[in-house]
Amino acid sequence: MPLTLTGRLICDDDTQAQIVRTHLPEHIRLTHLEPGCEHFEVTQSSDPLVWELHERFATRADFETHQARTKASHWGQVSAGIARDYEISQHS
């Protein structure tokens, strides 16, 4: 069953926003290469400190693999202090 995540990255200040601007493109590139990644889009909102997240993975296992890779990645390390607000839903 496909799994969808929608939400936001919420930076506290421009220092965190610069981390996102600098490191997010590589994270997106790597995520698109992951098995089961059907859609992965992160766009800056009208607020310069907030990014909108839209992700879809073929299965929960694919999503969990993505989460583990993300946590262990350079992106995961440099963005660890940035707040995330998201919802996960699974569709039949």
N, C-alpha and C. Protein backbone atom coordinates (compact mmCIF):
# COMPACT_ATOMS: atom_id res chain seq x y z
N MET A 1 0.84 -1.19 0.00
CA MET A 1 0.00 0.00 0.00
C MET A 1 0.87 1.24 0.00
N PRO A 2 0.57 2.19 -0.87
CA PRO A 2 1.35 3.44 -0.89
C PRO A 2 1.22 4.22 0.42
N LEU A 3 2.28 4.91 0.77
CA LEU A 3 2.33 5.72 1.97
C LEU A 3 2.64 7.15 1.55
N THR A 4 1.91 8.10 2.10
CA THR A 4 2.07 9.51 1.76
C THR A 4 2.44 10.30 3.01
N LEU A 5 3.36 11.22 2.85
CA LEU A 5 3.72 12.16 3.92
C LEU A 5 3.51 13.56 3.37
N THR A 6 2.81 14.38 4.13
CA THR A 6 2.67 15.80 3.80
C THR A 6 2.99 16.59 5.07
N GLY A 7 3.66 17.70 4.89
CA GLY A 7 4.00 18.50 6.06
C GLY A 7 4.92 19.64 5.73
N ARG A 8 5.69 20.03 6.76
CA ARG A 8 6.55 21.21 6.62
C ARG A 8 7.86 21.04 7.37
N LEU A 9 8.89 21.66 6.83
CA LEU A 9 10.14 21.92 7.55
C LEU A 9 10.02 23.35 8.04
N ILE A 10 10.29 23.59 9.31
CA ILE A 10 10.10 24.93 9.88
C ILE A 10 11.40 25.37 10.54
N CYS A 11 12.05 26.33 9.91
CA CYS A 11 13.33 26.84 10.42
C CYS A 11 13.09 27.90 11.48
N ASP A 12 14.00 27.95 12.45
CA ASP A 12 13.93 28.97 13.50
C ASP A 12 14.45 30.32 13.03
N ASP A 13 15.42 30.29 12.09
CA ASP A 13 16.08 31.52 11.69
C ASP A 13 16.74 31.33 10.33
N ASP A 14 17.38 32.39 9.83
CA ASP A 14 17.99 32.31 8.51
C ASP A 14 19.17 31.34 8.47
N THR A 15 19.83 31.11 9.60
CA THR A 15 20.93 30.14 9.62
C THR A 15 20.40 28.76 9.27
N GLN A 16 19.30 28.37 9.88
CA GLN A 16 18.71 27.07 9.54
C GLN A 16 18.19 27.07 8.10
N ALA A 17 17.59 28.17 7.66
CA ALA A 17 17.09 28.24 6.28
C ALA A 17 18.24 28.08 5.29
N GLN A 18 19.40 28.62 5.61
CA GLN A 18 20.56 28.47 4.73
C GLN A 18 21.02 27.01 4.67
N ILE A 19 20.91 26.30 5.78
CA ILE A 19 21.22 24.87 5.78
C ILE A 19 20.31 24.15 4.79
N VAL A 20 19.02 24.46 4.83
CA VAL A 20 18.08 23.83 3.90
C VAL A 20 18.43 24.18 2.47
N ARG A 21 18.63 25.45 2.18
CA ARG A 21 18.95 25.87 0.81
C ARG A 21 20.22 25.21 0.29
N THR A 22 21.19 25.01 1.16
CA THR A 22 22.48 24.45 0.75
C THR A 22 22.43 22.95 0.57
N HIS A 23 21.78 22.25 1.48
CA HIS A 23 21.88 20.79 1.52
C HIS A 23 20.66 20.03 0.97
N LEU A 24 19.53 20.70 0.85
CA LEU A 24 18.32 20.02 0.40
C LEU A 24 18.43 19.47 -1.03
N PRO A 25 19.00 20.18 -1.98
CA PRO A 25 19.04 19.63 -3.35
C PRO A 25 19.67 18.24 -3.44
N GLU A 26 20.73 18.00 -2.71
CA GLU A 26 21.37 16.68 -2.75
C GLU A 26 20.47 15.63 -2.07
N HIS A 27 19.82 16.01 -0.99
CA HIS A 27 18.89 15.08 -0.33
C HIS A 27 17.76 14.69 -1.29
N ILE A 28 17.23 15.66 -2.00
CA ILE A 28 16.17 15.37 -2.97
C ILE A 28 16.69 14.44 -4.06
N ARG A 29 17.87 14.73 -4.59
CA ARG A 29 18.45 13.90 -5.65
C ARG A 29 18.60 12.45 -5.18
N LEU A 30 19.14 12.26 -3.99
CA LEU A 30 19.34 10.91 -3.46
C LEU A 30 18.02 10.21 -3.18
N THR A 31 17.05 10.93 -2.70
CA THR A 31 15.75 10.33 -2.42
C THR A 31 15.08 9.85 -3.70
N HIS A 32 15.19 10.62 -4.77
CA HIS A 32 14.59 10.21 -6.04
C HIS A 32 15.19 8.90 -6.56
N LEU A 33 16.39 8.56 -6.13
CA LEU A 33 17.05 7.32 -6.55
C LEU A 33 16.63 6.11 -5.71
N GLU A 34 15.95 6.33 -4.62
CA GLU A 34 15.59 5.24 -3.71
C GLU A 34 14.49 4.36 -4.31
N PRO A 35 14.62 3.04 -4.12
CA PRO A 35 13.54 2.15 -4.55
C PRO A 35 12.24 2.52 -3.83
N GLY A 36 11.15 2.53 -4.57
CA GLY A 36 9.85 2.80 -3.98
C GLY A 36 9.49 4.26 -3.85
N CYS A 37 10.40 5.18 -4.19
CA CYS A 37 10.07 6.61 -4.14
C CYS A 37 9.24 6.94 -5.39
N GLU A 38 7.97 7.21 -5.17
CA GLU A 38 7.07 7.54 -6.28
C GLU A 38 6.96 9.05 -6.49
N HIS A 39 7.13 9.81 -5.42
CA HIS A 39 7.04 11.28 -5.51
C HIS A 39 7.76 11.85 -4.30
N PHE A 40 8.59 12.85 -4.54
CA PHE A 40 9.28 13.51 -3.44
C PHE A 40 9.52 14.95 -3.87
N GLU A 41 8.81 15.85 -3.23
CA GLU A 41 8.90 17.27 -3.59
C GLU A 41 8.98 18.10 -2.31
N VAL A 42 9.91 19.01 -2.28
CA VAL A 42 10.05 19.94 -1.17
C VAL A 42 10.15 21.33 -1.79
N THR A 43 9.21 22.20 -1.46
CA THR A 43 9.19 23.54 -2.04
C THR A 43 9.11 24.58 -0.93
N GLN A 44 9.74 25.71 -1.17
CA GLN A 44 9.69 26.79 -0.19
C GLN A 44 8.32 27.44 -0.24
N SER A 45 7.75 27.68 0.92
CA SER A 45 6.45 28.36 0.99
C SER A 45 6.66 29.86 0.85
N SER A 46 5.59 30.62 1.00
CA SER A 46 5.71 32.08 0.96
C SER A 46 6.51 32.61 2.16
N ASP A 47 6.59 31.81 3.21
CA ASP A 47 7.42 32.14 4.37
C ASP A 47 8.84 31.65 4.10
N PRO A 48 9.84 32.52 4.12
CA PRO A 48 11.20 32.10 3.79
C PRO A 48 11.83 31.12 4.77
N LEU A 49 11.15 30.84 5.88
CA LEU A 49 11.67 29.89 6.87
C LEU A 49 10.93 28.55 6.85
N VAL A 50 10.01 28.37 5.89
CA VAL A 50 9.18 27.17 5.85
C VAL A 50 9.22 26.53 4.46
N TRP A 51 9.36 25.21 4.46
CA TRP A 51 9.31 24.41 3.22
C TRP A 51 8.18 23.42 3.33
N GLU A 52 7.46 23.22 2.24
CA GLU A 52 6.36 22.26 2.17
C GLU A 52 6.88 20.91 1.68
N LEU A 53 6.45 19.83 2.33
CA LEU A 53 6.89 18.49 2.00
C LEU A 53 5.73 17.69 1.39
N HIS A 54 6.02 16.98 0.31
CA HIS A 54 5.05 16.08 -0.32
C HIS A 54 5.83 14.84 -0.75
N GLU A 55 5.55 13.73 -0.10
CA GLU A 55 6.28 12.50 -0.37
C GLU A 55 5.30 11.35 -0.57
N ARG A 56 5.65 10.42 -1.46
CA ARG A 56 4.87 9.20 -1.62
C ARG A 56 5.83 8.05 -1.90
N PHE A 57 5.67 6.99 -1.13
CA PHE A 57 6.48 5.79 -1.30
C PHE A 57 5.55 4.61 -1.56
N ALA A 58 6.03 3.65 -2.32
CA ALA A 58 5.20 2.51 -2.75
C ALA A 58 4.71 1.68 -1.58
N THR A 59 5.55 1.54 -0.56
CA THR A 59 5.18 0.72 0.60
C THR A 59 5.72 1.36 1.88
N ARG A 60 5.20 0.91 3.00
CA ARG A 60 5.71 1.38 4.29
C ARG A 60 7.19 1.00 4.44
N ALA A 61 7.56 -0.19 3.97
CA ALA A 61 8.96 -0.62 4.05
C ALA A 61 9.86 0.33 3.27
N ASP A 62 9.42 0.77 2.09
CA ASP A 62 10.21 1.73 1.31
C ASP A 62 10.36 3.05 2.08
N PHE A 63 9.29 3.50 2.71
CA PHE A 63 9.33 4.73 3.48
C PHE A 63 10.27 4.58 4.68
N GLU A 64 10.19 3.46 5.37
CA GLU A 64 11.06 3.24 6.53
C GLU A 64 12.53 3.17 6.11
N THR A 65 12.80 2.58 4.95
CA THR A 65 14.17 2.57 4.42
C THR A 65 14.63 4.00 4.14
N HIS A 66 13.74 4.80 3.57
CA HIS A 66 14.05 6.22 3.31
C HIS A 66 14.35 6.95 4.61
N GLN A 67 13.53 6.73 5.63
CA GLN A 67 13.72 7.40 6.91
C GLN A 67 15.08 7.02 7.52
N ALA A 68 15.43 5.75 7.45
CA ALA A 68 16.71 5.30 8.00
C ALA A 68 17.88 5.90 7.23
N ARG A 69 17.77 5.92 5.89
CA ARG A 69 18.85 6.53 5.10
C ARG A 69 18.97 8.02 5.41
N THR A 70 17.83 8.68 5.51
CA THR A 70 17.84 10.11 5.79
C THR A 70 18.51 10.40 7.14
N LYS A 71 18.13 9.65 8.14
CA LYS A 71 18.69 9.88 9.49
C LYS A 71 20.21 9.72 9.49
N ALA A 72 20.72 8.76 8.72
CA ALA A 72 22.16 8.49 8.70
C ALA A 72 22.92 9.37 7.72
N SER A 73 22.21 10.15 6.91
CA SER A 73 22.85 10.93 5.85
C SER A 73 23.40 12.27 6.36
N HIS A 74 24.18 12.91 5.50
CA HIS A 74 24.69 14.25 5.81
C HIS A 74 23.51 15.20 6.03
N TRP A 75 22.49 15.11 5.16
CA TRP A 75 21.30 15.94 5.33
C TRP A 75 20.68 15.72 6.72
N GLY A 76 20.55 14.48 7.12
CA GLY A 76 19.98 14.17 8.42
C GLY A 76 20.76 14.80 9.56
N GLN A 77 22.07 14.79 9.42
CA GLN A 77 22.92 15.37 10.47
C GLN A 77 22.81 16.89 10.51
N VAL A 78 22.93 17.55 9.35
CA VAL A 78 22.95 19.02 9.36
C VAL A 78 21.57 19.63 9.60
N SER A 79 20.51 18.86 9.33
CA SER A 79 19.16 19.41 9.50
C SER A 79 18.46 18.89 10.75
N ALA A 80 19.18 18.19 11.59
CA ALA A 80 18.57 17.55 12.77
C ALA A 80 17.85 18.55 13.67
N GLY A 81 18.32 19.78 13.77
CA GLY A 81 17.72 20.76 14.65
C GLY A 81 16.54 21.51 14.05
N ILE A 82 16.19 21.21 12.81
CA ILE A 82 15.09 21.91 12.14
C ILE A 82 13.78 21.16 12.41
N ALA A 83 12.78 21.91 12.86
CA ALA A 83 11.50 21.30 13.21
C ALA A 83 10.81 20.73 11.98
N ARG A 84 10.16 19.60 12.19
CA ARG A 84 9.36 18.96 11.17
C ARG A 84 7.95 18.79 11.71
N ASP A 85 6.98 19.12 10.88
CA ASP A 85 5.57 18.97 11.24
C ASP A 85 4.93 18.26 10.07
N TYR A 86 4.54 16.99 10.25
CA TYR A 86 3.99 16.25 9.12
C TYR A 86 2.99 15.20 9.55
N GLU A 87 2.22 14.76 8.56
CA GLU A 87 1.24 13.69 8.75
C GLU A 87 1.57 12.59 7.76
N ILE A 88 1.40 11.36 8.20
CA ILE A 88 1.62 10.20 7.35
C ILE A 88 0.30 9.47 7.19
N SER A 89 -0.01 9.10 5.96
CA SER A 89 -1.23 8.31 5.72
C SER A 89 -0.89 7.18 4.76
N GLN A 90 -1.58 6.08 4.94
CA GLN A 90 -1.37 4.92 4.07
C GLN A 90 -2.69 4.64 3.36
N HIS A 91 -2.59 4.39 2.06
CA HIS A 91 -3.78 4.20 1.23
C HIS A 91 -3.86 2.77 0.74
N SER A 92 -5.08 2.30 0.58
CA SER A 92 -5.26 0.94 0.06
C SER A 92 -5.41 0.96 -1.45
